[in-house]
Amino acid sequence: MPHFALICNDRPDAGTLRADTRPAHVEFLNGLGAALGFAGPFLDDAGKPNGSLVVIEATDEAAARAIAAQDPYAKAGLFSNVEIRAWNWVFNKPGA
């Protein structure tokens, strides 16, 4: 199954929305099971989260967009934009 990178940038005016929504976001990601490749926040110069990188397996881009739309961060309006790109995991892929 193909992989997709979800490249998410936080709104600059998000305030505490990321911290407030994080428990639901973590639960959502854990619920993806084997479809989740890896995930983590982008950091600003001060080391504070300002976006997310999530790599998932999905049947196609439409399915990846549907998964991305269900993320509690997306539902809460945390992101200013989300780019979804097909991605090929070549190096250090578990089980390869």
N, C-alpha and C. Protein backbone atom coordinates (compact mmCIF):
# COMPACT_ATOMS: atom_id res chain seq x y z
N MET A 1 0.86 -1.18 0.00
CA MET A 1 0.00 0.00 0.00
C MET A 1 0.90 1.24 0.00
N PRO A 2 0.52 2.26 -0.76
CA PRO A 2 1.36 3.47 -0.83
C PRO A 2 1.38 4.26 0.48
N HIS A 3 2.45 5.01 0.65
CA HIS A 3 2.59 5.91 1.79
C HIS A 3 2.30 7.34 1.34
N PHE A 4 1.81 8.13 2.29
CA PHE A 4 1.55 9.55 2.06
C PHE A 4 2.09 10.34 3.23
N ALA A 5 2.77 11.44 2.92
CA ALA A 5 3.26 12.36 3.94
C ALA A 5 2.23 13.47 4.10
N LEU A 6 1.79 13.67 5.33
CA LEU A 6 0.90 14.78 5.66
C LEU A 6 1.79 15.85 6.29
N ILE A 7 1.96 16.95 5.59
CA ILE A 7 2.84 18.03 6.03
C ILE A 7 1.93 19.16 6.48
N CYS A 8 1.87 19.36 7.79
CA CYS A 8 0.87 20.25 8.39
C CYS A 8 1.57 21.43 9.07
N ASN A 9 1.09 22.62 8.79
CA ASN A 9 1.64 23.83 9.40
C ASN A 9 0.59 24.44 10.32
N ASP A 10 0.99 24.73 11.56
CA ASP A 10 0.07 25.33 12.52
C ASP A 10 -0.25 26.78 12.14
N ARG A 11 -1.45 27.20 12.49
CA ARG A 11 -1.81 28.62 12.37
C ARG A 11 -0.93 29.41 13.33
N PRO A 12 -0.48 30.58 12.95
CA PRO A 12 0.34 31.37 13.87
C PRO A 12 -0.42 31.84 15.10
N ASP A 13 -1.73 31.93 15.01
CA ASP A 13 -2.56 32.41 16.12
C ASP A 13 -3.22 31.26 16.89
N ALA A 14 -2.64 30.06 16.82
CA ALA A 14 -3.27 28.88 17.40
C ALA A 14 -3.28 28.90 18.93
N GLY A 15 -2.41 29.69 19.54
CA GLY A 15 -2.39 29.77 21.01
C GLY A 15 -2.16 28.41 21.64
N THR A 16 -3.05 28.01 22.53
CA THR A 16 -2.91 26.74 23.25
C THR A 16 -3.68 25.59 22.58
N LEU A 17 -4.18 25.83 21.37
CA LEU A 17 -4.99 24.81 20.70
C LEU A 17 -4.25 23.49 20.54
N ARG A 18 -2.96 23.53 20.20
CA ARG A 18 -2.19 22.29 20.03
C ARG A 18 -2.14 21.51 21.34
N ALA A 19 -1.78 22.17 22.43
CA ALA A 19 -1.68 21.49 23.73
C ALA A 19 -3.05 20.99 24.19
N ASP A 20 -4.08 21.79 23.98
CA ASP A 20 -5.42 21.42 24.42
C ASP A 20 -5.96 20.21 23.66
N THR A 21 -5.56 20.07 22.40
CA THR A 21 -6.10 19.01 21.53
C THR A 21 -5.18 17.80 21.47
N ARG A 22 -3.98 17.90 22.03
CA ARG A 22 -2.99 16.83 21.90
C ARG A 22 -3.47 15.46 22.37
N PRO A 23 -4.13 15.32 23.52
CA PRO A 23 -4.56 13.97 23.93
C PRO A 23 -5.45 13.29 22.89
N ALA A 24 -6.38 14.02 22.30
CA ALA A 24 -7.25 13.43 21.27
C ALA A 24 -6.46 13.10 20.01
N HIS A 25 -5.49 13.95 19.67
CA HIS A 25 -4.63 13.72 18.50
C HIS A 25 -3.81 12.44 18.70
N VAL A 26 -3.21 12.29 19.87
CA VAL A 26 -2.40 11.09 20.16
C VAL A 26 -3.28 9.84 20.10
N GLU A 27 -4.46 9.91 20.66
CA GLU A 27 -5.39 8.77 20.62
C GLU A 27 -5.74 8.43 19.17
N PHE A 28 -5.99 9.44 18.35
CA PHE A 28 -6.30 9.23 16.94
C PHE A 28 -5.14 8.52 16.24
N LEU A 29 -3.92 9.03 16.43
CA LEU A 29 -2.77 8.41 15.78
C LEU A 29 -2.58 6.97 16.24
N ASN A 30 -2.69 6.72 17.52
CA ASN A 30 -2.57 5.35 18.03
C ASN A 30 -3.63 4.44 17.42
N GLY A 31 -4.81 4.99 17.15
CA GLY A 31 -5.89 4.22 16.56
C GLY A 31 -5.68 3.86 15.10
N LEU A 32 -4.70 4.48 14.45
CA LEU A 32 -4.42 4.15 13.05
C LEU A 32 -3.71 2.81 12.90
N GLY A 33 -3.15 2.30 14.00
CA GLY A 33 -2.50 0.99 13.97
C GLY A 33 -1.39 0.92 12.94
N ALA A 34 -1.39 -0.15 12.15
CA ALA A 34 -0.33 -0.39 11.18
C ALA A 34 -0.32 0.62 10.04
N ALA A 35 -1.40 1.37 9.85
CA ALA A 35 -1.44 2.39 8.79
C ALA A 35 -0.53 3.58 9.10
N LEU A 36 -0.16 3.74 10.37
CA LEU A 36 0.73 4.84 10.75
C LEU A 36 2.18 4.42 10.58
N GLY A 37 2.89 5.13 9.74
CA GLY A 37 4.33 4.88 9.59
C GLY A 37 5.08 5.53 10.72
N PHE A 38 4.98 6.84 10.83
CA PHE A 38 5.58 7.59 11.92
C PHE A 38 4.98 8.98 11.94
N ALA A 39 5.20 9.69 13.03
CA ALA A 39 4.64 11.04 13.17
C ALA A 39 5.41 11.81 14.23
N GLY A 40 5.36 13.13 14.12
CA GLY A 40 5.96 13.99 15.12
C GLY A 40 5.82 15.44 14.71
N PRO A 41 6.09 16.35 15.66
CA PRO A 41 5.93 17.77 15.38
C PRO A 41 7.16 18.38 14.70
N PHE A 42 6.90 19.40 13.88
CA PHE A 42 7.97 20.30 13.44
C PHE A 42 8.22 21.26 14.59
N LEU A 43 9.44 21.78 14.70
CA LEU A 43 9.79 22.67 15.80
C LEU A 43 10.29 24.01 15.27
N ASP A 44 9.96 25.08 15.98
CA ASP A 44 10.48 26.40 15.62
C ASP A 44 11.88 26.57 16.22
N ASP A 45 12.47 27.74 16.04
CA ASP A 45 13.83 27.98 16.53
C ASP A 45 13.96 27.86 18.04
N ALA A 46 12.87 28.04 18.76
CA ALA A 46 12.87 27.93 20.22
C ALA A 46 12.56 26.50 20.68
N GLY A 47 12.36 25.57 19.72
CA GLY A 47 12.06 24.19 20.08
C GLY A 47 10.60 23.92 20.38
N LYS A 48 9.72 24.86 20.01
CA LYS A 48 8.29 24.68 20.26
C LYS A 48 7.60 24.15 19.00
N PRO A 49 6.63 23.24 19.16
CA PRO A 49 5.94 22.69 17.99
C PRO A 49 5.22 23.78 17.19
N ASN A 50 5.35 23.66 15.86
CA ASN A 50 4.65 24.60 14.99
C ASN A 50 4.07 23.93 13.75
N GLY A 51 3.96 22.61 13.81
CA GLY A 51 3.40 21.85 12.71
C GLY A 51 3.59 20.37 12.97
N SER A 52 3.20 19.56 12.01
CA SER A 52 3.29 18.11 12.17
C SER A 52 3.69 17.45 10.86
N LEU A 53 4.42 16.35 10.98
CA LEU A 53 4.69 15.45 9.87
C LEU A 53 4.11 14.10 10.27
N VAL A 54 3.18 13.60 9.47
CA VAL A 54 2.56 12.30 9.72
C VAL A 54 2.68 11.50 8.43
N VAL A 55 3.25 10.32 8.50
CA VAL A 55 3.34 9.45 7.33
C VAL A 55 2.43 8.25 7.56
N ILE A 56 1.52 8.06 6.60
CA ILE A 56 0.53 6.99 6.72
C ILE A 56 0.50 6.14 5.45
N GLU A 57 -0.05 4.96 5.59
CA GLU A 57 -0.38 4.13 4.44
C GLU A 57 -1.85 4.35 4.12
N ALA A 58 -2.16 4.50 2.84
CA ALA A 58 -3.55 4.64 2.41
C ALA A 58 -3.64 4.12 0.98
N THR A 59 -4.83 3.75 0.58
CA THR A 59 -5.01 3.17 -0.75
C THR A 59 -4.73 4.17 -1.86
N ASP A 60 -5.04 5.44 -1.61
CA ASP A 60 -4.80 6.49 -2.60
C ASP A 60 -4.84 7.85 -1.90
N GLU A 61 -4.63 8.92 -2.67
CA GLU A 61 -4.59 10.25 -2.08
C GLU A 61 -5.93 10.64 -1.45
N ALA A 62 -7.01 10.24 -2.07
CA ALA A 62 -8.33 10.57 -1.50
C ALA A 62 -8.50 9.94 -0.13
N ALA A 63 -8.05 8.70 0.03
CA ALA A 63 -8.14 8.03 1.33
C ALA A 63 -7.22 8.71 2.34
N ALA A 64 -6.03 9.14 1.90
CA ALA A 64 -5.12 9.85 2.79
C ALA A 64 -5.74 11.17 3.25
N ARG A 65 -6.41 11.88 2.33
CA ARG A 65 -7.09 13.14 2.68
C ARG A 65 -8.21 12.89 3.69
N ALA A 66 -8.93 11.79 3.52
CA ALA A 66 -10.01 11.47 4.45
C ALA A 66 -9.45 11.18 5.84
N ILE A 67 -8.34 10.48 5.91
CA ILE A 67 -7.70 10.20 7.20
C ILE A 67 -7.24 11.51 7.83
N ALA A 68 -6.57 12.35 7.04
CA ALA A 68 -6.06 13.63 7.55
C ALA A 68 -7.19 14.49 8.10
N ALA A 69 -8.33 14.47 7.45
CA ALA A 69 -9.47 15.30 7.87
C ALA A 69 -10.05 14.84 9.21
N GLN A 70 -9.79 13.60 9.59
CA GLN A 70 -10.32 13.07 10.85
C GLN A 70 -9.42 13.36 12.05
N ASP A 71 -8.20 13.84 11.80
CA ASP A 71 -7.28 14.16 12.89
C ASP A 71 -7.89 15.26 13.75
N PRO A 72 -7.95 15.07 15.06
CA PRO A 72 -8.50 16.11 15.93
C PRO A 72 -7.82 17.48 15.78
N TYR A 73 -6.54 17.51 15.45
CA TYR A 73 -5.88 18.79 15.19
C TYR A 73 -6.55 19.49 14.00
N ALA A 74 -6.80 18.73 12.93
CA ALA A 74 -7.45 19.30 11.75
C ALA A 74 -8.87 19.74 12.08
N LYS A 75 -9.60 18.90 12.78
CA LYS A 75 -10.99 19.23 13.15
C LYS A 75 -11.06 20.48 14.02
N ALA A 76 -10.05 20.69 14.86
CA ALA A 76 -10.03 21.85 15.76
C ALA A 76 -9.58 23.13 15.04
N GLY A 77 -9.09 23.00 13.81
CA GLY A 77 -8.64 24.16 13.07
C GLY A 77 -7.22 24.60 13.40
N LEU A 78 -6.40 23.68 13.90
CA LEU A 78 -5.03 24.02 14.27
C LEU A 78 -4.17 24.40 13.06
N PHE A 79 -4.38 23.74 11.94
CA PHE A 79 -3.48 23.89 10.81
C PHE A 79 -3.88 25.04 9.88
N SER A 80 -2.88 25.79 9.45
CA SER A 80 -3.12 26.82 8.43
C SER A 80 -3.19 26.17 7.05
N ASN A 81 -2.45 25.08 6.88
CA ASN A 81 -2.52 24.32 5.63
C ASN A 81 -1.98 22.91 5.86
N VAL A 82 -2.43 22.00 5.01
CA VAL A 82 -1.97 20.61 5.03
C VAL A 82 -1.64 20.21 3.60
N GLU A 83 -0.41 19.81 3.38
CA GLU A 83 0.01 19.31 2.08
C GLU A 83 0.08 17.79 2.19
N ILE A 84 -0.49 17.10 1.22
CA ILE A 84 -0.46 15.64 1.21
C ILE A 84 0.29 15.21 -0.04
N ARG A 85 1.37 14.46 0.19
CA ARG A 85 2.22 14.03 -0.92
C ARG A 85 2.48 12.54 -0.84
N ALA A 86 2.39 11.88 -2.00
CA ALA A 86 2.78 10.47 -2.08
C ALA A 86 4.26 10.39 -1.73
N TRP A 87 4.62 9.34 -0.99
CA TRP A 87 5.98 9.23 -0.47
C TRP A 87 6.44 7.79 -0.56
N ASN A 88 7.69 7.58 -0.93
CA ASN A 88 8.26 6.25 -1.05
C ASN A 88 9.28 6.03 0.06
N TRP A 89 8.98 5.13 0.97
CA TRP A 89 9.88 4.82 2.09
C TRP A 89 10.95 3.85 1.59
N VAL A 90 12.17 4.35 1.44
CA VAL A 90 13.26 3.54 0.86
C VAL A 90 14.26 3.10 1.93
N PHE A 91 14.75 4.03 2.74
CA PHE A 91 15.81 3.72 3.69
C PHE A 91 15.28 3.54 5.10
N ASN A 92 15.83 2.57 5.82
CA ASN A 92 15.47 2.27 7.20
C ASN A 92 14.00 1.94 7.41
N LYS A 93 13.39 1.37 6.41
CA LYS A 93 11.98 0.98 6.51
C LYS A 93 11.89 -0.28 7.38
N PRO A 94 11.09 -0.25 8.44
CA PRO A 94 10.96 -1.45 9.29
C PRO A 94 10.47 -2.64 8.46
N GLY A 95 11.06 -3.76 8.72
CA GLY A 95 10.64 -5.00 8.06
C GLY A 95 11.19 -5.15 6.66
N ALA A 96 11.97 -4.18 6.18
CA ALA A 96 12.50 -4.29 4.80
C ALA A 96 13.80 -5.07 4.79
